C-alpha atoms as a PDB file:
ATOM      1  CA  MET A   1      30.552  56.772 187.997  1.00  0.00           C
ATOM      2  CA  ASP A   2      28.097  53.376 188.069  1.00  0.00           C
ATOM      3  CA  LEU A   3      25.774  52.261 185.402  1.00  0.00           C
ATOM      4  CA  GLU A   4      22.776  54.401 186.170  1.00  0.00           C
ATOM      5  CA  THR A   5      24.320  57.228 186.431  1.00  0.00           C
ATOM      6  CA  SER A   6      26.181  56.553 183.407  1.00  0.00           C
ATOM      7  CA  PHE A   7      22.620  56.238 181.376  1.00  0.00           C
ATOM      8  CA  ALA A   8      21.414  59.412 182.921  1.00  0.00           C
ATOM      9  CA  LEU A   9      23.794  61.469 181.855  1.00  0.00           C
ATOM     10  CA  ALA A  10      23.556  60.185 178.174  1.00  0.00           C
ATOM     11  CA  SER A  11      19.749  60.577 178.560  1.00  0.00           C
ATOM     12  CA  ALA A  12      20.084  64.267 179.691  1.00  0.00           C
ATOM     13  CA  LEU A  13      23.028  64.805 177.018  1.00  0.00           C
ATOM     14  CA  GLY A  14      20.707  63.374 174.636  1.00  0.00           C
ATOM     15  CA  ILE A  15      17.248  65.720 175.609  1.00  0.00           C
ATOM     16  CA  VAL A  16      19.979  68.546 175.276  1.00  0.00           C
ATOM     17  CA  ILE A  17      21.149  67.718 171.628  1.00  0.00           C
ATOM     18  CA  TRP A  18      17.551  67.728 170.343  1.00  0.00           C
ATOM     19  CA  ILE A  19      16.639  70.417 171.826  1.00  0.00           C
ATOM     20  CA  VAL A  20      19.398  72.553 170.508  1.00  0.00           C
ATOM     21  CA  ALA A  21      19.136  71.305 167.084  1.00  0.00           C
ATOM     22  CA  VAL A  22      15.488  71.995 167.389  1.00  0.00           C
ATOM     23  CA  ILE A  23      15.996  75.632 168.228  1.00  0.00           C
ATOM     24  CA  VAL A  24      18.693  76.112 165.433  1.00  0.00           C
ATOM     25  CA  GLY A  25      16.287  74.204 162.885  1.00  0.00           C
ATOM     26  CA  LEU A  26      13.601  77.283 164.251  1.00  0.00           C
ATOM     27  CA  LEU A  27      16.461  80.041 163.860  1.00  0.00           C
ATOM     28  CA  LEU A  28      17.499  78.881 160.019  1.00  0.00           C
ATOM     29  CA  ALA A  29      13.917  78.438 159.381  1.00  0.00           C
ATOM     30  CA  TYR A  30      13.227  81.619 160.355  1.00  0.00           C
ATOM     31  CA  LEU A  31      16.071  83.358 159.127  1.00  0.00           C
ATOM     32  CA  VAL A  32      15.152  81.905 155.106  1.00  0.00           C
ATOM     33  CA  ILE A  33      11.938  82.811 155.630  1.00  0.00           C
ATOM     34  CA  ARG A  34      12.704  86.440 156.641  1.00  0.00           C
ATOM     35  CA  PHE A  35      14.947  86.875 153.956  1.00  0.00           C
ATOM     36  CA  GLY A  36      12.531  85.475 151.264  1.00  0.00           C
ATOM     37  CA  VAL A  37       9.795  88.126 152.627  1.00  0.00           C
ATOM     38  CA  PHE A  38      12.129  90.730 152.067  1.00  0.00           C
ATOM     39  CA  HIS A  39      14.117  90.341 148.590  1.00  0.00           C
ATOM     40  CA  GLY A  40       9.978  89.403 147.590  1.00  0.00           C
ATOM     41  CA  LEU A  41       8.620  92.865 148.724  1.00  0.00           C
ATOM     42  CA  ARG A  42      12.101  94.641 147.388  1.00  0.00           C
ATOM     43  CA  ALA A  43      11.210  93.211 143.969  1.00  0.00           C
ATOM     44  CA  HIS A  44       7.561  94.275 143.987  1.00  0.00           C
ATOM     45  CA  THR A  45       8.454  97.595 145.058  1.00  0.00           C
ATOM     46  CA  ARG A  46      10.890  97.809 142.379  1.00  0.00           C
ATOM     47  CA  TRP A  47       8.725  96.349 139.726  1.00  0.00           C
ATOM     48  CA  VAL A  48       5.603  98.337 140.847  1.00  0.00           C
ATOM     49  CA  ASP A  49       7.925 101.400 141.060  1.00  0.00           C
ATOM     50  CA  ASP A  50       9.260 100.726 137.043  1.00  0.00           C
ATOM     51  CA  GLY A  51       5.610 100.629 136.224  1.00  0.00           C
ATOM     52  CA  LYS A  52       4.567 103.909 137.161  1.00  0.00           C
ATOM     53  CA  ASP A  53       4.741 106.682 134.521  1.00  0.00           C
ATOM     54  CA  VAL A  54       6.337 109.422 136.050  1.00  0.00           C
ATOM     55  CA  ARG A  55       5.352 112.168 133.017  1.00  0.00           C
ATOM     56  CA  ARG A  56       2.083 111.545 133.856  1.00  0.00           C
ATOM     57  CA  TYR A  57       1.395 111.309 137.473  1.00  0.00           C
ATOM     58  CA  LYS A  58       3.494 113.327 139.735  1.00  0.00           C
ATOM     59  CA  PRO A  59       2.208 112.997 143.311  1.00  0.00           C
ATOM     60  CA  GLN A  60       1.708 116.116 145.816  1.00  0.00           C
ATOM     61  CA  PRO A  61       2.883 115.681 149.817  1.00  0.00           C
ATOM     62  CA  TYR A  62      -0.642 116.940 150.324  1.00  0.00           C
ATOM     63  CA  GLU A  63      -2.458 115.220 147.850  1.00  0.00           C
ATOM     64  CA  THR A  64      -5.042 112.562 148.876  1.00  0.00           C
ATOM     65  CA  ARG A  65      -6.974 109.582 146.959  1.00  0.00           C
ATOM     66  CA  GLU A  66      -9.413 111.925 146.460  1.00  0.00           C
ATOM     67  CA  ASP A  67      -7.938 114.286 145.316  1.00  0.00           C
ATOM     68  CA  ARG A  68      -6.720 111.983 142.635  1.00  0.00           C
ATOM     69  CA  ARG A  69     -10.479 110.337 141.830  1.00  0.00           C
ATOM     70  CA  SER A  70     -11.495 113.305 140.820  1.00  0.00           C
END
């Protein structure tokens, strides 16, 4: 293999390694953000559910917002 071919292969390999590294980094960032949002929403739902007074208010499946205001 001559010098030009070796340089071309090394350059192509370097570019491929950078592309793969960027894709892996973006995938990891996506997963971290997704798990963070999921955990936050789950914690918020539990916080809201724990604050409900089930003795005072028991929602009915047919009840609308207007019914609760009166």
